[in-house]
């Protein structure tokens, strides 16, 4: 049920963007009747292609299944290419490539949509503020991850650093080589003594 609602909503949003982009409908029209399932756990959206190149909400067996990294979806609202960077593909590669090309080139115009409600200047400022907040959150998240890793490695050693791991691996390799040399010496000595 939730997947069907998500599919209907995605089709409506994409068709709204397609209304401004006749080239995209022309590229999708030859694939009429085919469908694609976009999976980003826990959500799955299945879209079909209508004869006019627009999207429809579909059910049933898809022509192609595209697995998307769920972590990239929030960024996709402001940067559509973000969701299509790390994907897994199963099915009709030509259809998937065309669909991917269209989705990457479709540009959401949040300023234009928001301007209908608050005016042009306010819409530009609101979207700029949201983009700035998203960039700040991304930067803060990166700093938090770095600081957490530093804490777990240096201050409260629950993890080992890469350098320590590399040194340990080198020590193990050296010990293995030493044991093999010692075993050969023992074999040689055992062979010399009657």
N, C-alpha and C. Protein backbone atom coordinates (compact mmCIF):
# COMPACT_ATOMS: atom_id res chain seq x y z
N UNK A 1 0.82 -1.19 0.00
CA UNK A 1 0.00 0.00 0.00
C UNK A 1 0.87 1.26 0.00
N UNK A 2 1.86 1.28 0.89
CA UNK A 2 2.76 2.43 0.97
C UNK A 2 3.55 2.58 -0.32
N UNK A 3 3.98 1.45 -0.89
CA UNK A 3 4.73 1.51 -2.15
C UNK A 3 3.86 2.07 -3.28
N UNK A 4 2.57 1.73 -3.30
CA UNK A 4 1.67 2.23 -4.34
C UNK A 4 1.46 3.74 -4.19
N UNK A 5 1.34 4.20 -2.96
CA UNK A 5 1.20 5.64 -2.71
C UNK A 5 2.47 6.37 -3.14
N UNK A 6 3.62 5.79 -2.78
CA UNK A 6 4.90 6.40 -3.17
C UNK A 6 5.06 6.40 -4.69
N UNK A 7 4.63 5.33 -5.34
CA UNK A 7 4.72 5.27 -6.81
C UNK A 7 3.84 6.33 -7.45
N UNK A 8 2.64 6.50 -6.94
CA UNK A 8 1.73 7.52 -7.48
C UNK A 8 2.29 8.92 -7.27
N UNK A 9 2.84 9.16 -6.08
CA UNK A 9 3.42 10.48 -5.79
C UNK A 9 4.64 10.74 -6.68
N UNK A 10 5.50 9.74 -6.84
CA UNK A 10 6.69 9.91 -7.68
C UNK A 10 6.30 10.16 -9.13
N UNK A 11 5.29 9.44 -9.62
CA UNK A 11 4.83 9.65 -10.99
C UNK A 11 4.30 11.06 -11.17
N UNK A 12 3.56 11.56 -10.18
CA UNK A 12 3.00 12.92 -10.27
C UNK A 12 4.12 13.96 -10.28
N UNK A 13 5.10 13.81 -9.41
CA UNK A 13 6.21 14.77 -9.35
C UNK A 13 7.02 14.73 -10.64
N UNK A 14 7.34 13.53 -11.10
CA UNK A 14 8.13 13.42 -12.33
C UNK A 14 7.36 13.93 -13.55
N UNK A 15 6.07 13.67 -13.61
CA UNK A 15 5.27 14.18 -14.73
C UNK A 15 5.19 15.70 -14.70
N UNK A 16 5.19 16.27 -13.50
CA UNK A 16 5.20 17.73 -13.37
C UNK A 16 6.49 18.30 -13.97
N UNK A 17 7.62 17.62 -13.69
CA UNK A 17 8.89 18.06 -14.26
C UNK A 17 8.95 17.79 -15.76
N UNK A 18 8.35 16.68 -16.20
CA UNK A 18 8.34 16.35 -17.63
C UNK A 18 7.52 17.34 -18.44
N UNK A 19 6.56 17.98 -17.82
CA UNK A 19 5.72 18.94 -18.53
C UNK A 19 6.57 20.09 -19.09
N UNK A 20 7.68 20.41 -18.43
CA UNK A 20 8.57 21.48 -18.90
C UNK A 20 9.64 20.95 -19.86
N UNK A 21 9.73 19.62 -20.01
CA UNK A 21 10.83 19.02 -20.77
C UNK A 21 10.30 18.08 -21.86
N UNK A 22 9.89 18.60 -23.01
CA UNK A 22 9.37 17.71 -24.07
C UNK A 22 10.42 16.73 -24.59
N UNK A 23 11.69 17.09 -24.57
CA UNK A 23 12.74 16.17 -25.03
C UNK A 23 12.74 14.89 -24.21
N UNK A 24 12.44 14.99 -22.91
CA UNK A 24 12.47 13.82 -22.03
C UNK A 24 11.33 12.86 -22.39
N UNK A 25 10.15 13.40 -22.64
CA UNK A 25 9.03 12.55 -23.03
C UNK A 25 9.33 11.86 -24.36
N UNK A 26 9.98 12.56 -25.28
CA UNK A 26 10.34 11.96 -26.57
C UNK A 26 11.32 10.80 -26.40
N UNK A 27 12.24 10.95 -25.45
CA UNK A 27 13.23 9.87 -25.22
C UNK A 27 12.58 8.67 -24.55
N UNK A 28 11.56 8.91 -23.72
CA UNK A 28 10.92 7.81 -22.99
C UNK A 28 9.83 7.11 -23.80
N UNK A 29 9.20 7.81 -24.74
CA UNK A 29 8.07 7.26 -25.51
C UNK A 29 8.37 5.91 -26.18
N UNK A 30 9.56 5.67 -26.75
CA UNK A 30 9.80 4.36 -27.37
C UNK A 30 9.75 3.19 -26.38
N UNK A 31 9.81 3.49 -25.08
CA UNK A 31 9.81 2.44 -24.07
C UNK A 31 8.42 2.28 -23.44
N UNK A 32 7.38 2.75 -24.13
CA UNK A 32 6.01 2.65 -23.62
C UNK A 32 5.68 1.20 -23.30
N UNK A 33 5.02 0.99 -22.18
CA UNK A 33 4.64 -0.35 -21.75
C UNK A 33 5.66 -1.00 -20.83
N UNK A 34 6.86 -0.47 -20.75
CA UNK A 34 7.88 -1.03 -19.86
C UNK A 34 7.77 -0.35 -18.50
N UNK A 35 8.29 -1.01 -17.48
CA UNK A 35 8.24 -0.43 -16.14
C UNK A 35 9.57 -0.64 -15.44
N UNK A 36 9.83 0.23 -14.50
CA UNK A 36 11.06 0.18 -13.72
C UNK A 36 10.72 0.24 -12.24
N UNK A 37 11.37 -0.59 -11.46
CA UNK A 37 11.21 -0.56 -10.00
C UNK A 37 12.47 0.08 -9.42
N UNK A 38 12.28 1.16 -8.69
CA UNK A 38 13.37 1.82 -7.98
C UNK A 38 13.27 1.40 -6.53
N UNK A 39 14.29 0.70 -6.05
CA UNK A 39 14.28 0.21 -4.67
C UNK A 39 15.28 0.98 -3.85
N UNK A 40 14.79 1.58 -2.79
CA UNK A 40 15.62 2.25 -1.80
C UNK A 40 15.03 1.86 -0.45
N UNK A 41 15.48 0.71 0.09
CA UNK A 41 14.85 0.18 1.29
C UNK A 41 14.70 1.26 2.35
N UNK A 42 13.56 1.30 2.97
CA UNK A 42 12.44 0.36 2.98
C UNK A 42 11.39 0.65 1.91
N UNK A 43 11.64 1.59 1.04
CA UNK A 43 10.64 2.01 0.06
C UNK A 43 10.95 1.44 -1.32
N UNK A 44 9.90 1.14 -2.07
CA UNK A 44 10.04 0.67 -3.44
C UNK A 44 9.03 1.41 -4.29
N UNK A 45 9.49 2.00 -5.39
CA UNK A 45 8.63 2.76 -6.29
C UNK A 45 8.69 2.09 -7.66
N UNK A 46 7.53 1.81 -8.23
CA UNK A 46 7.50 1.20 -9.55
C UNK A 46 6.77 2.14 -10.50
N UNK A 47 7.47 2.53 -11.56
CA UNK A 47 6.94 3.47 -12.54
C UNK A 47 6.91 2.83 -13.92
N UNK A 48 5.82 3.07 -14.62
CA UNK A 48 5.70 2.60 -15.99
C UNK A 48 5.80 3.78 -16.94
N UNK A 49 5.98 3.49 -18.21
CA UNK A 49 6.05 4.52 -19.24
C UNK A 49 4.80 4.44 -20.09
N UNK A 50 4.10 5.56 -20.18
CA UNK A 50 2.89 5.64 -21.01
C UNK A 50 3.28 5.92 -22.46
N UNK A 51 2.32 5.82 -23.37
CA UNK A 51 2.59 6.01 -24.80
C UNK A 51 3.11 7.41 -25.12
N UNK A 52 2.72 8.41 -24.31
CA UNK A 52 3.18 9.78 -24.56
C UNK A 52 4.52 10.09 -23.89
N UNK A 53 5.13 9.09 -23.24
CA UNK A 53 6.42 9.29 -22.60
C UNK A 53 6.33 9.76 -21.17
N UNK A 54 5.12 9.81 -20.63
CA UNK A 54 4.97 10.22 -19.23
C UNK A 54 5.04 8.99 -18.32
N UNK A 55 5.11 9.24 -17.02
CA UNK A 55 5.22 8.16 -16.05
C UNK A 55 3.84 7.78 -15.52
N UNK A 56 3.69 6.51 -15.18
CA UNK A 56 2.48 6.02 -14.52
C UNK A 56 2.91 5.17 -13.34
N UNK A 57 2.07 5.09 -12.32
CA UNK A 57 2.33 4.19 -11.20
C UNK A 57 1.97 2.78 -11.66
N UNK A 58 2.85 1.84 -11.47
CA UNK A 58 2.66 0.48 -11.97
C UNK A 58 2.70 -0.53 -10.85
N UNK A 59 2.21 -1.71 -11.13
CA UNK A 59 2.33 -2.86 -10.25
C UNK A 59 2.68 -4.05 -11.13
N UNK A 60 3.16 -5.11 -10.54
CA UNK A 60 3.50 -6.29 -11.32
C UNK A 60 4.99 -6.45 -11.48
N UNK A 61 5.36 -7.24 -12.47
CA UNK A 61 6.76 -7.55 -12.70
C UNK A 61 7.43 -6.43 -13.52
N UNK A 62 8.50 -5.83 -13.00
CA UNK A 62 9.15 -4.74 -13.72
C UNK A 62 10.08 -5.24 -14.82
N UNK A 63 10.31 -4.39 -15.82
CA UNK A 63 11.25 -4.68 -16.89
C UNK A 63 12.68 -4.55 -16.37
N UNK A 64 12.88 -3.60 -15.48
CA UNK A 64 14.20 -3.37 -14.90
C UNK A 64 14.03 -3.01 -13.43
N UNK A 65 14.98 -3.46 -12.61
CA UNK A 65 15.00 -3.12 -11.19
C UNK A 65 16.29 -2.36 -10.91
N UNK A 66 16.13 -1.20 -10.30
CA UNK A 66 17.28 -0.35 -9.99
C UNK A 66 17.32 -0.16 -8.48
N UNK A 67 18.38 -0.65 -7.85
CA UNK A 67 18.56 -0.49 -6.41
C UNK A 67 19.35 0.78 -6.14
N UNK A 68 18.78 1.66 -5.32
CA UNK A 68 19.38 2.96 -5.02
C UNK A 68 19.80 3.00 -3.57
N UNK A 69 20.92 3.66 -3.28
CA UNK A 69 21.39 3.84 -1.92
C UNK A 69 20.42 4.77 -1.19
N UNK A 70 19.76 4.27 -0.14
CA UNK A 70 18.76 5.06 0.58
C UNK A 70 19.35 6.32 1.21
N UNK A 71 20.62 6.29 1.56
CA UNK A 71 21.24 7.46 2.19
C UNK A 71 21.33 8.64 1.22
N UNK A 72 21.29 8.37 -0.07
CA UNK A 72 21.42 9.46 -1.06
C UNK A 72 20.09 10.13 -1.38
N UNK A 73 18.98 9.56 -0.94
CA UNK A 73 17.68 10.10 -1.32
C UNK A 73 17.40 11.52 -0.81
N UNK A 74 17.71 11.86 0.44
CA UNK A 74 17.43 13.24 0.85
C UNK A 74 18.17 14.28 0.01
N UNK A 75 19.39 13.98 -0.38
CA UNK A 75 20.16 14.90 -1.21
C UNK A 75 19.58 14.99 -2.62
N UNK A 76 18.87 13.96 -3.04
CA UNK A 76 18.32 13.93 -4.40
C UNK A 76 17.26 15.00 -4.62
N UNK A 77 16.68 15.50 -3.54
CA UNK A 77 15.67 16.54 -3.69
C UNK A 77 16.27 17.81 -4.27
N UNK A 78 17.52 18.11 -3.90
CA UNK A 78 18.18 19.30 -4.41
C UNK A 78 19.21 18.99 -5.49
N UNK A 79 19.65 17.74 -5.54
CA UNK A 79 20.65 17.33 -6.54
C UNK A 79 20.25 15.94 -7.06
N UNK A 80 19.48 15.87 -8.16
CA UNK A 80 18.96 14.59 -8.64
C UNK A 80 20.03 13.54 -8.93
N UNK A 81 21.20 13.95 -9.33
CA UNK A 81 22.25 12.98 -9.65
C UNK A 81 22.73 12.23 -8.41
N UNK A 82 22.50 12.78 -7.23
CA UNK A 82 22.98 12.15 -6.00
C UNK A 82 22.39 10.75 -5.81
N UNK A 83 21.14 10.56 -6.15
CA UNK A 83 20.49 9.26 -5.97
C UNK A 83 20.97 8.24 -6.98
N UNK A 84 21.54 8.68 -8.08
CA UNK A 84 21.91 7.76 -9.16
C UNK A 84 23.40 7.44 -9.19
N UNK A 85 24.12 7.80 -8.14
CA UNK A 85 25.56 7.55 -8.15
C UNK A 85 25.91 6.10 -7.86
N UNK A 86 25.30 5.51 -6.84
CA UNK A 86 25.59 4.12 -6.48
C UNK A 86 24.32 3.30 -6.67
N UNK A 87 24.18 2.68 -7.84
CA UNK A 87 22.98 1.91 -8.13
C UNK A 87 23.34 0.48 -8.51
N UNK A 88 22.37 -0.41 -8.29
CA UNK A 88 22.48 -1.81 -8.72
C UNK A 88 21.39 -2.03 -9.77
N UNK A 89 21.73 -2.69 -10.85
CA UNK A 89 20.83 -2.82 -11.99
C UNK A 89 20.56 -4.29 -12.29
N UNK A 90 19.27 -4.60 -12.56
CA UNK A 90 18.89 -5.95 -12.95
C UNK A 90 17.78 -5.85 -13.99
N UNK A 91 18.04 -6.29 -15.20
CA UNK A 91 17.02 -6.25 -16.25
C UNK A 91 17.49 -5.55 -17.51
N UNK A 92 16.56 -4.90 -18.19
CA UNK A 92 16.79 -4.25 -19.48
C UNK A 92 17.74 -3.06 -19.34
N UNK A 93 18.99 -3.25 -19.75
CA UNK A 93 20.02 -2.22 -19.57
C UNK A 93 19.77 -0.99 -20.43
N UNK A 94 19.25 -1.18 -21.65
CA UNK A 94 19.00 -0.03 -22.54
C UNK A 94 17.92 0.88 -21.95
N UNK A 95 16.84 0.27 -21.45
CA UNK A 95 15.78 1.04 -20.81
C UNK A 95 16.31 1.74 -19.56
N UNK A 96 17.09 1.03 -18.76
CA UNK A 96 17.65 1.62 -17.54
C UNK A 96 18.56 2.79 -17.87
N UNK A 97 19.37 2.66 -18.91
CA UNK A 97 20.28 3.73 -19.30
C UNK A 97 19.50 4.97 -19.77
N UNK A 98 18.48 4.76 -20.57
CA UNK A 98 17.66 5.89 -21.03
C UNK A 98 16.96 6.55 -19.86
N UNK A 99 16.37 5.73 -18.98
CA UNK A 99 15.69 6.26 -17.80
C UNK A 99 16.65 7.03 -16.91
N UNK A 100 17.83 6.49 -16.71
CA UNK A 100 18.84 7.17 -15.90
C UNK A 100 19.25 8.49 -16.52
N UNK A 101 19.46 8.49 -17.83
CA UNK A 101 19.83 9.73 -18.52
C UNK A 101 18.77 10.80 -18.39
N UNK A 102 17.50 10.40 -18.52
CA UNK A 102 16.40 11.37 -18.39
C UNK A 102 16.33 11.89 -16.95
N UNK A 103 16.38 10.98 -15.98
CA UNK A 103 16.28 11.41 -14.58
C UNK A 103 17.45 12.30 -14.16
N UNK A 104 18.64 12.04 -14.70
CA UNK A 104 19.80 12.88 -14.36
C UNK A 104 19.69 14.27 -14.96
N UNK A 105 19.05 14.39 -16.10
CA UNK A 105 18.95 15.69 -16.76
C UNK A 105 17.72 16.49 -16.35
N UNK A 106 16.74 15.82 -15.72
CA UNK A 106 15.57 16.56 -15.23
C UNK A 106 16.01 17.44 -14.08
N UNK A 107 15.61 18.66 -14.11
CA UNK A 107 16.00 19.61 -13.09
C UNK A 107 14.78 20.06 -12.30
N UNK A 108 14.71 19.70 -11.03
CA UNK A 108 13.62 20.25 -10.24
C UNK A 108 13.86 21.75 -10.07
N UNK A 109 12.85 22.49 -10.13
CA UNK A 109 12.95 23.94 -9.97
C UNK A 109 12.20 24.34 -8.70
N UNK A 110 12.81 24.09 -7.53
CA UNK A 110 12.10 24.41 -6.29
C UNK A 110 11.79 25.90 -6.17
N UNK A 111 12.68 26.74 -6.70
CA UNK A 111 12.42 28.18 -6.64
C UNK A 111 11.16 28.53 -7.42
N UNK A 112 11.03 27.95 -8.60
CA UNK A 112 9.88 28.23 -9.46
C UNK A 112 8.58 27.76 -8.81
N UNK A 113 8.62 26.57 -8.22
CA UNK A 113 7.41 26.03 -7.58
C UNK A 113 7.04 26.85 -6.35
N UNK A 114 8.02 27.21 -5.55
CA UNK A 114 7.78 27.97 -4.33
C UNK A 114 7.37 29.41 -4.64
N UNK A 115 7.84 29.95 -5.75
CA UNK A 115 7.54 31.33 -6.12
C UNK A 115 6.05 31.55 -6.32
N UNK A 116 5.34 30.53 -6.70
CA UNK A 116 3.89 30.68 -6.87
C UNK A 116 3.20 31.01 -5.55
N UNK A 117 3.82 30.62 -4.44
CA UNK A 117 3.19 30.82 -3.14
C UNK A 117 3.75 32.03 -2.38
N UNK A 118 5.08 32.28 -2.52
CA UNK A 118 5.70 33.33 -1.70
C UNK A 118 6.35 34.43 -2.52
N UNK A 119 6.38 34.31 -3.81
CA UNK A 119 7.03 35.32 -4.65
C UNK A 119 8.43 34.90 -5.04
N UNK A 120 8.96 35.54 -6.09
CA UNK A 120 10.26 35.15 -6.64
C UNK A 120 11.41 35.35 -5.66
N UNK A 121 11.52 36.55 -5.10
CA UNK A 121 12.66 36.86 -4.23
C UNK A 121 12.67 35.97 -2.99
N UNK A 122 11.52 35.80 -2.37
CA UNK A 122 11.44 34.97 -1.17
C UNK A 122 11.76 33.51 -1.51
N UNK A 123 11.29 33.03 -2.65
CA UNK A 123 11.54 31.65 -3.04
C UNK A 123 13.03 31.40 -3.23
N UNK A 124 13.71 32.33 -3.88
CA UNK A 124 15.16 32.18 -4.09
C UNK A 124 15.88 32.15 -2.74
N UNK A 125 15.50 33.01 -1.84
CA UNK A 125 16.16 33.06 -0.53
C UNK A 125 15.88 31.82 0.30
N UNK A 126 14.64 31.32 0.26
CA UNK A 126 14.29 30.12 1.03
C UNK A 126 15.06 28.91 0.52
N UNK A 127 15.11 28.74 -0.79
CA UNK A 127 15.83 27.59 -1.35
C UNK A 127 17.33 27.71 -1.08
N UNK A 128 17.88 28.92 -1.17
CA UNK A 128 19.30 29.12 -0.85
C UNK A 128 19.57 28.77 0.61
N UNK A 129 18.66 29.15 1.49
CA UNK A 129 18.80 28.83 2.91
C UNK A 129 18.76 27.32 3.13
N UNK A 130 17.84 26.64 2.45
CA UNK A 130 17.76 25.18 2.58
C UNK A 130 19.02 24.50 2.05
N UNK A 131 19.53 24.99 0.92
CA UNK A 131 20.77 24.41 0.38
C UNK A 131 21.94 24.65 1.32
N UNK A 132 22.00 25.82 1.90
CA UNK A 132 23.05 26.14 2.86
C UNK A 132 22.94 25.26 4.11
N UNK A 133 21.72 25.07 4.58
CA UNK A 133 21.51 24.21 5.75
C UNK A 133 21.91 22.77 5.45
N UNK A 134 21.59 22.29 4.25
CA UNK A 134 21.97 20.93 3.86
C UNK A 134 23.49 20.80 3.79
N UNK A 135 24.16 21.79 3.22
CA UNK A 135 25.62 21.75 3.14
C UNK A 135 26.23 21.79 4.55
N UNK A 136 25.67 22.62 5.42
CA UNK A 136 26.15 22.69 6.79
C UNK A 136 25.96 21.38 7.54
N UNK A 137 24.80 20.75 7.33
CA UNK A 137 24.54 19.46 7.98
C UNK A 137 25.50 18.39 7.46
N UNK A 138 25.77 18.41 6.15
CA UNK A 138 26.71 17.45 5.57
C UNK A 138 28.11 17.64 6.16
N UNK A 139 28.53 18.91 6.28
CA UNK A 139 29.85 19.21 6.84
C UNK A 139 29.92 18.81 8.31
N UNK A 140 28.87 19.11 9.07
CA UNK A 140 28.84 18.75 10.49
C UNK A 140 28.85 17.23 10.66
N UNK A 141 28.14 16.52 9.82
CA UNK A 141 28.14 15.07 9.88
C UNK A 141 29.53 14.50 9.60
N UNK A 142 30.21 15.07 8.63
CA UNK A 142 31.58 14.62 8.32
C UNK A 142 32.53 14.87 9.48
N UNK A 143 32.40 16.05 10.09
CA UNK A 143 33.25 16.37 11.26
C UNK A 143 32.95 15.44 12.42
N UNK A 144 31.66 15.16 12.65
CA UNK A 144 31.27 14.26 13.74
C UNK A 144 31.84 12.86 13.52
N UNK A 145 31.77 12.37 12.29
CA UNK A 145 32.31 11.04 11.99
C UNK A 145 33.82 11.00 12.22
N UNK A 146 34.53 12.05 11.78
CA UNK A 146 35.98 12.10 11.96
C UNK A 146 36.34 12.16 13.44
N UNK A 147 35.64 13.00 14.19
CA UNK A 147 35.93 13.14 15.62
C UNK A 147 35.61 11.86 16.38
N UNK A 148 34.52 11.19 16.01
CA UNK A 148 34.16 9.94 16.66
C UNK A 148 35.22 8.87 16.39
N UNK A 149 35.67 8.79 15.15
CA UNK A 149 36.71 7.82 14.81
C UNK A 149 38.01 8.13 15.57
N UNK A 150 38.39 9.41 15.64
CA UNK A 150 39.58 9.80 16.38
C UNK A 150 39.47 9.43 17.85
N UNK A 151 38.29 9.65 18.43
CA UNK A 151 38.07 9.32 19.84
C UNK A 151 38.20 7.82 20.06
N UNK A 152 37.57 7.02 19.19
CA UNK A 152 37.59 5.57 19.36
C UNK A 152 38.96 4.96 19.07
N UNK A 153 39.80 5.67 18.34
CA UNK A 153 41.13 5.16 18.02
C UNK A 153 42.16 5.66 19.02
N UNK A 154 42.14 6.94 19.36
CA UNK A 154 43.21 7.53 20.16
C UNK A 154 42.85 7.67 21.64
N UNK A 155 41.75 8.30 21.95
CA UNK A 155 41.45 8.62 23.34
C UNK A 155 40.88 7.44 24.12
N UNK A 156 40.00 6.69 23.54
CA UNK A 156 39.39 5.53 24.17
C UNK A 156 39.55 4.37 23.20
N UNK A 157 40.74 3.77 23.17
CA UNK A 157 41.08 2.83 22.10
C UNK A 157 40.19 1.59 22.04
N UNK A 158 39.07 1.73 21.38
CA UNK A 158 38.19 0.60 21.11
C UNK A 158 38.46 0.07 19.70
N UNK A 159 39.06 0.90 18.87
CA UNK A 159 39.40 0.54 17.50
C UNK A 159 40.89 0.77 17.30
N UNK A 160 41.44 0.16 16.29
CA UNK A 160 42.85 0.39 15.97
C UNK A 160 42.92 1.28 14.73
N UNK A 161 43.98 2.05 14.67
CA UNK A 161 44.15 2.93 13.51
C UNK A 161 44.64 2.11 12.31
N UNK A 162 44.59 2.71 11.14
CA UNK A 162 45.07 2.02 9.94
C UNK A 162 46.56 1.73 10.04
N UNK A 163 47.30 2.67 10.60
CA UNK A 163 48.74 2.47 10.74
C UNK A 163 49.04 1.30 11.68
N UNK A 164 48.29 1.23 12.80
CA UNK A 164 48.49 0.12 13.73
C UNK A 164 48.11 -1.20 13.07
N UNK A 165 47.05 -1.20 12.31
CA UNK A 165 46.62 -2.43 11.63
C UNK A 165 47.65 -2.86 10.59
N UNK A 166 48.20 -1.89 9.86
CA UNK A 166 49.22 -2.21 8.85
C UNK A 166 50.48 -2.74 9.53
N UNK A 167 50.86 -2.13 10.64
CA UNK A 167 52.05 -2.60 11.38
C UNK A 167 51.81 -4.02 11.90
N UNK A 168 50.62 -4.29 12.43
CA UNK A 168 50.28 -5.63 12.92
C UNK A 168 50.34 -6.66 11.79
N UNK A 169 49.77 -6.30 10.64
CA UNK A 169 49.79 -7.21 9.49
C UNK A 169 51.22 -7.49 9.04
N UNK A 170 52.07 -6.45 9.05
CA UNK A 170 53.48 -6.64 8.67
C UNK A 170 54.18 -7.54 9.69
N UNK A 171 53.90 -7.35 10.98
CA UNK A 171 54.50 -8.21 12.02
C UNK A 171 54.07 -9.66 11.85
N UNK A 172 52.80 -9.88 11.54
CA UNK A 172 52.29 -11.24 11.33
C UNK A 172 52.96 -11.87 10.12
N UNK A 173 53.11 -11.12 9.03
CA UNK A 173 53.76 -11.63 7.83
C UNK A 173 55.22 -11.97 8.13
N UNK A 174 55.89 -11.09 8.86
CA UNK A 174 57.30 -11.34 9.22
C UNK A 174 57.42 -12.58 10.10
N UNK A 175 56.52 -12.74 11.08
CA UNK A 175 56.53 -13.91 11.95
C UNK A 175 56.28 -15.18 11.15
N UNK A 176 55.34 -15.13 10.20
CA UNK A 176 55.05 -16.29 9.36
C UNK A 176 56.29 -16.69 8.56
N UNK A 177 56.97 -15.69 7.97
CA UNK A 177 58.19 -15.97 7.20
C UNK A 177 59.27 -16.56 8.10
N UNK A 178 59.42 -16.02 9.32
CA UNK A 178 60.42 -16.54 10.26
C UNK A 178 60.12 -17.98 10.65
N UNK A 179 58.85 -18.29 10.87
CA UNK A 179 58.47 -19.65 11.24
C UNK A 179 58.74 -20.60 10.07
N UNK A 180 58.45 -20.16 8.85
CA UNK A 180 58.73 -21.01 7.69
C UNK A 180 60.22 -21.25 7.53
N UNK A 181 61.04 -20.21 7.72
CA UNK A 181 62.50 -20.39 7.65
C UNK A 181 62.99 -21.34 8.74
N UNK A 182 62.45 -21.19 9.95
CA UNK A 182 62.84 -22.07 11.05
C UNK A 182 62.44 -23.51 10.76
N UNK A 183 61.27 -23.69 10.19
CA UNK A 183 60.81 -25.05 9.84
C UNK A 183 61.73 -25.67 8.80
N UNK A 184 62.18 -24.88 7.83
CA UNK A 184 63.11 -25.40 6.82
C UNK A 184 64.45 -25.77 7.45
N UNK A 185 64.92 -24.94 8.37
CA UNK A 185 66.20 -25.25 9.05
C UNK A 185 66.08 -26.54 9.86
N UNK A 186 64.94 -26.68 10.52
CA UNK A 186 64.73 -27.90 11.31
C UNK A 186 64.70 -29.11 10.40
N UNK A 187 64.01 -28.96 9.24
CA UNK A 187 63.97 -30.07 8.27
C UNK A 187 65.36 -30.39 7.75
N UNK A 188 66.15 -29.35 7.47
CA UNK A 188 67.51 -29.56 7.00
C UNK A 188 68.37 -30.26 8.06
N UNK A 189 68.23 -29.80 9.30
CA UNK A 189 68.99 -30.42 10.39
C UNK A 189 68.56 -31.86 10.61
N UNK A 190 67.26 -32.11 10.50
CA UNK A 190 66.76 -33.48 10.70
C UNK A 190 67.26 -34.37 9.58
N UNK A 191 67.43 -33.82 8.40
CA UNK A 191 67.90 -34.60 7.27
C UNK A 191 69.39 -34.88 7.35
N UNK A 192 70.19 -34.04 7.99
CA UNK A 192 71.65 -34.23 8.11
C UNK A 192 72.04 -35.23 9.18
N UNK A 193 71.28 -35.24 10.24
CA UNK A 193 71.64 -36.14 11.34
C UNK A 193 71.03 -37.52 11.09
N UNK A 194 71.87 -38.57 11.24
CA UNK A 194 71.39 -39.91 10.96
C UNK A 194 70.51 -40.46 12.03
